[in-house]
Protein backbone atom coordinates (compact mmCIF):
# COMPACT_ATOMS: atom_id res chain seq x y z
CA MET A 1 51.01 44.45 -47.99
CA THR A 2 50.51 48.04 -46.85
CA GLY A 3 48.65 50.41 -49.16
CA GLN A 4 51.76 52.12 -50.56
CA THR A 5 53.68 48.87 -50.95
CA LEU A 6 50.75 47.25 -52.73
CA THR A 7 50.44 50.23 -55.07
CA LEU A 8 54.11 50.06 -56.01
CA PHE A 9 53.90 46.29 -56.44
CA SER A 10 50.93 46.79 -58.76
CA GLU A 11 53.03 49.08 -60.97
CA PHE A 12 55.84 46.50 -61.01
CA LEU A 13 53.55 43.55 -61.71
CA GLY A 14 51.37 45.35 -64.24
CA THR A 15 54.38 46.60 -66.21
CA MET A 16 55.87 43.11 -66.15
CA PHE A 17 52.71 41.70 -67.73
CA LEU A 18 52.57 44.61 -70.16
CA ILE A 19 56.07 43.89 -71.49
CA LEU A 20 55.70 40.10 -71.38
CA LEU A 21 52.61 40.24 -73.58
CA GLY A 22 53.57 43.32 -75.64
CA ASN A 23 57.14 42.39 -76.47
CA GLY A 24 55.96 38.80 -76.62
CA VAL A 25 53.94 39.54 -79.74
CA VAL A 26 56.92 41.36 -81.27
CA ALA A 27 59.07 38.29 -80.59
CA ALA A 28 56.42 35.99 -82.06
CA VAL A 29 56.32 38.02 -85.27
CA SER A 30 60.06 38.74 -85.58
CA LEU A 31 61.95 35.65 -84.49
CA LYS A 32 62.80 32.74 -86.76
CA LYS A 33 60.67 29.59 -86.81
CA SER A 34 57.95 31.13 -84.65
CA LYS A 35 54.46 30.13 -85.74
CA ALA A 36 53.62 33.84 -86.03
CA GLU A 37 56.77 34.79 -87.96
CA GLY A 38 56.02 37.49 -90.50
CA ALA A 39 52.50 38.21 -89.23
CA GLY A 40 53.25 41.93 -89.55
CA TRP A 41 52.56 45.31 -88.03
CA VAL A 42 48.81 44.87 -87.57
CA ALA A 43 49.39 41.77 -85.45
CA ILE A 44 51.91 43.69 -83.34
CA THR A 45 49.60 46.64 -82.76
CA MET A 46 46.69 44.38 -81.88
CA GLY A 47 48.90 42.40 -79.53
CA TRP A 48 50.06 45.56 -77.78
CA GLY A 49 46.49 46.82 -77.45
CA ALA A 50 45.48 43.55 -75.82
CA ALA A 51 48.60 43.60 -73.64
CA VAL A 52 47.75 47.02 -72.23
CA THR A 53 44.14 46.03 -71.60
CA LEU A 54 45.09 42.88 -69.71
CA ALA A 55 47.90 44.56 -67.77
CA VAL A 56 45.53 47.31 -66.61
CA TYR A 57 42.97 44.71 -65.52
CA ILE A 58 45.68 42.82 -63.62
CA ALA A 59 47.12 45.85 -61.84
CA GLY A 60 44.00 47.99 -61.57
CA PHE A 61 42.52 46.43 -58.45
CA MET A 62 45.72 47.18 -56.51
CA GLY A 63 46.54 50.68 -57.74
CA PRO A 64 46.06 53.25 -60.50
CA ALA A 65 47.78 51.04 -63.13
CA HIS A 66 49.83 53.77 -64.79
CA LEU A 67 52.48 51.27 -65.99
CA ASN A 68 54.19 54.18 -67.73
CA PRO A 69 56.40 56.98 -66.35
CA ALA A 70 54.86 59.47 -68.79
CA VAL A 71 51.39 58.72 -67.46
CA THR A 72 52.70 58.99 -63.90
CA LEU A 73 54.21 62.40 -64.66
CA GLY A 74 51.03 63.62 -66.35
CA PHE A 75 48.86 62.57 -63.41
CA ALA A 76 51.26 64.21 -60.95
CA ILE A 77 51.02 67.50 -62.86
CA THR A 78 47.22 67.40 -62.73
CA GLY A 79 47.28 66.66 -59.00
CA ASP A 80 46.01 63.09 -59.28
CA LEU A 81 49.22 61.62 -57.85
CA ALA A 82 51.44 62.89 -55.06
CA TRP A 83 54.81 64.09 -56.35
CA GLY A 84 56.57 61.98 -53.74
CA MET A 85 55.29 58.86 -55.49
CA VAL A 86 56.62 59.73 -58.94
CA ILE A 87 60.15 58.34 -58.58
CA PRO A 88 59.03 55.17 -56.73
CA PHE A 89 56.41 54.55 -59.43
CA ILE A 90 58.97 54.96 -62.20
CA LEU A 91 61.50 52.66 -60.53
CA ALA A 92 58.83 49.99 -60.07
CA GLN A 93 57.76 50.33 -63.70
CA VAL A 94 61.31 50.03 -65.06
CA ALA A 95 62.02 47.01 -62.84
CA GLY A 96 58.83 45.33 -64.02
CA ALA A 97 59.75 46.03 -67.63
CA ILE A 98 63.16 44.40 -67.17
CA LEU A 99 61.60 41.27 -65.71
CA GLY A 100 58.97 41.17 -68.45
CA SER A 101 61.68 41.19 -71.11
CA VAL A 102 63.59 38.44 -69.36
CA LEU A 103 60.43 36.32 -69.44
CA VAL A 104 59.99 36.98 -73.17
CA TRP A 105 63.58 35.83 -73.72
CA LEU A 106 62.96 32.65 -71.74
CA THR A 107 59.71 31.98 -73.63
CA TYR A 108 61.40 32.27 -77.03
CA LEU A 109 64.86 31.03 -76.02
CA ALA A 110 65.16 28.49 -78.86
CA HIS A 111 63.96 31.05 -81.42
CA TYR A 112 66.52 33.64 -80.30
CA LYS A 113 69.20 31.04 -81.02
CA GLU A 114 67.80 30.55 -84.54
CA THR A 115 67.61 34.30 -85.28
CA THR A 116 70.79 35.85 -86.67
CA ASP A 117 69.57 39.39 -87.39
CA PRO A 118 70.73 41.65 -84.51
CA GLY A 119 68.19 44.31 -85.48
CA ALA A 120 65.29 41.86 -85.29
CA ILE A 121 66.53 40.68 -81.90
CA LEU A 122 66.83 44.22 -80.53
CA GLY A 123 63.36 44.98 -81.87
CA THR A 124 61.89 42.35 -79.56
CA PHE A 125 63.22 44.39 -76.65
CA ALA A 126 63.37 48.10 -77.50
CA THR A 127 62.00 50.51 -80.10
CA GLY A 128 63.88 52.22 -82.92
CA ALA A 129 63.23 54.73 -85.66
CA GLU A 130 62.77 53.57 -89.24
CA ILE A 131 64.36 56.85 -90.37
CA ARG A 132 66.82 58.20 -87.83
CA ASP A 133 66.15 61.93 -87.48
CA ASN A 134 66.19 63.31 -83.95
CA THR A 135 63.67 66.08 -84.57
CA SER A 136 61.21 63.82 -86.38
CA ASN A 137 61.66 60.99 -83.91
CA VAL A 138 61.11 63.23 -80.88
CA MET A 139 58.02 64.74 -82.47
CA SER A 140 56.60 61.28 -83.25
CA GLU A 141 57.05 60.02 -79.71
CA ALA A 142 55.88 63.28 -78.11
CA ILE A 143 52.72 63.47 -80.23
CA GLY A 144 51.85 59.82 -79.61
CA THR A 145 52.30 60.26 -75.87
CA PHE A 146 50.34 63.51 -75.92
CA VAL A 147 47.41 61.62 -77.40
CA LEU A 148 47.80 58.85 -74.84
CA VAL A 149 47.99 61.03 -71.73
CA PHE A 150 45.35 63.54 -72.79
CA ALA A 151 42.96 60.73 -73.69
CA LEU A 152 43.53 59.02 -70.33
CA LEU A 153 42.85 62.27 -68.51
CA ALA A 154 39.74 62.85 -70.63
CA PHE A 155 38.51 59.32 -69.89
CA GLY A 156 38.45 60.35 -66.23
CA GLN A 157 35.75 62.90 -67.10
CA ASN A 158 33.53 60.18 -68.57
CA VAL A 159 31.42 57.56 -66.86
CA PHE A 160 32.08 54.05 -68.17
CA THR A 161 30.26 50.85 -67.38
CA GLU A 162 32.14 49.17 -64.53
CA GLY A 163 35.11 47.23 -65.87
CA LEU A 164 35.01 48.80 -69.33
CA ASN A 165 37.79 51.36 -68.90
CA PRO A 166 40.74 49.00 -69.57
CA LEU A 167 39.12 47.92 -72.85
CA VAL A 168 38.86 51.55 -73.94
CA VAL A 169 42.51 52.10 -73.04
CA GLY A 170 43.44 49.07 -75.15
CA VAL A 171 41.56 50.52 -78.13
CA LEU A 172 43.44 53.79 -77.56
CA ILE A 173 46.79 51.98 -77.71
CA LEU A 174 45.71 50.09 -80.82
CA SER A 175 44.71 53.36 -82.50
CA ILE A 176 47.98 55.09 -81.60
CA GLY A 177 49.97 52.14 -82.89
CA LEU A 178 48.13 51.90 -86.20
CA SER A 179 47.99 55.65 -86.84
CA LEU A 180 51.13 57.07 -85.24
CA GLY A 181 53.46 54.16 -84.57
CA GLY A 182 55.01 53.55 -87.97
CA SER A 183 57.88 56.00 -87.54
CA THR A 184 59.46 55.00 -84.22
CA GLY A 185 57.54 51.95 -83.07
CA TYR A 186 55.52 54.07 -80.59
CA ALA A 187 57.31 53.50 -77.31
CA ILE A 188 55.12 56.27 -75.76
CA ASN A 189 56.39 54.88 -72.47
CA PRO A 190 59.94 55.36 -71.15
CA ALA A 191 59.81 52.20 -69.04
CA ARG A 192 58.65 50.14 -72.03
CA ASP A 193 61.87 51.04 -73.84
CA LEU A 194 64.44 51.54 -71.07
CA GLY A 195 63.72 48.38 -69.08
CA PRO A 196 63.86 46.02 -72.08
CA ARG A 197 66.93 47.81 -73.45
CA ILE A 198 68.70 47.16 -70.15
CA ALA A 199 67.63 43.51 -70.39
CA HIS A 200 69.00 43.34 -73.95
CA GLN A 201 72.30 44.74 -72.71
CA ILE A 202 72.78 42.22 -69.91
CA LEU A 203 71.20 39.00 -71.22
CA PRO A 204 73.45 36.37 -72.88
CA LEU A 205 71.60 36.56 -76.19
CA ALA A 206 72.89 34.59 -79.14
CA ASN A 207 73.70 36.81 -82.14
CA LYS A 208 73.18 39.93 -80.07
CA GLY A 209 74.23 43.24 -81.58
CA ASP A 210 74.50 46.71 -80.13
CA SER A 211 71.80 47.93 -77.74
CA LYS A 212 71.68 51.30 -79.56
CA TRP A 213 72.04 53.45 -76.46
CA GLU A 214 72.65 56.48 -78.67
CA TYR A 215 68.92 56.40 -79.52
CA ALA A 216 67.65 55.49 -76.04
CA TRP A 217 67.16 59.09 -74.93
CA VAL A 218 64.41 59.65 -77.52
CA PRO A 219 61.83 57.21 -76.07
CA ILE A 220 62.66 58.53 -72.59
CA VAL A 221 62.62 62.30 -73.10
CA ALA A 222 60.02 62.68 -75.85
CA PRO A 223 57.19 60.84 -74.05
CA MET A 224 57.80 62.96 -70.96
CA LEU A 225 57.50 66.12 -73.08
CA GLY A 226 54.27 64.86 -74.61
CA ALA A 227 52.89 64.03 -71.17
CA VAL A 228 53.69 67.51 -69.83
CA ALA A 229 51.96 69.15 -72.81
CA ALA A 230 48.88 66.93 -72.41
CA ALA A 231 48.61 67.57 -68.68
CA LEU A 232 48.97 71.33 -69.08
CA LEU A 233 46.32 71.47 -71.81
CA TYR A 234 44.01 69.39 -69.64
CA LEU A 235 44.48 71.80 -66.73
CA VAL A 236 43.73 74.78 -68.98
CA ILE A 237 40.49 73.17 -70.19
CA VAL A 238 39.27 71.61 -66.95
């Protein structure tokens, strides 16, 4: 593969692994007759932290491993990514997220058939607010993404032992999930929500309910706002 093609493929592949492992733990906890059924929020946040770490390791030798349109936007604002790569990165990330969700569905196919709660099924694909309030929900997602993007930019100013950076990013995701994720499920990544929501819409899921598109704008717009704020603050400081 050429350099640009390999970079885009890394975003696709890394995001696929991210969603497969991240939404995989949500499915394990939420779906009926899974061995991990009912394991709870801590298991989900730990699973997502591990998912991000492993996805960054997988994609990182081929490209920057953003795996998140908000991160891509933030790094473009700071000059660390060419603006012409922003849309291709985002498209690759969303496509990878769709495929990752399809693989989760195939992994837990029998358990989806046993699960009759449409909300639990949707939760294995996309995020949702525990209390639906647009202002609060946008603030939650924007603040969580602000922490994510600013921390990633700050990490670039530090010298880590070779190979350690993805582990630190995983701890960051774990911290955001435990501390800030209880309100909206901490999408903090438009591709993480949009791609799986598209998969939920098109897959022949048993007992499937509505895909809740009326909420979908929140985990798309709010993370982008948080990323812009983080990048601008970083530029002011650095």
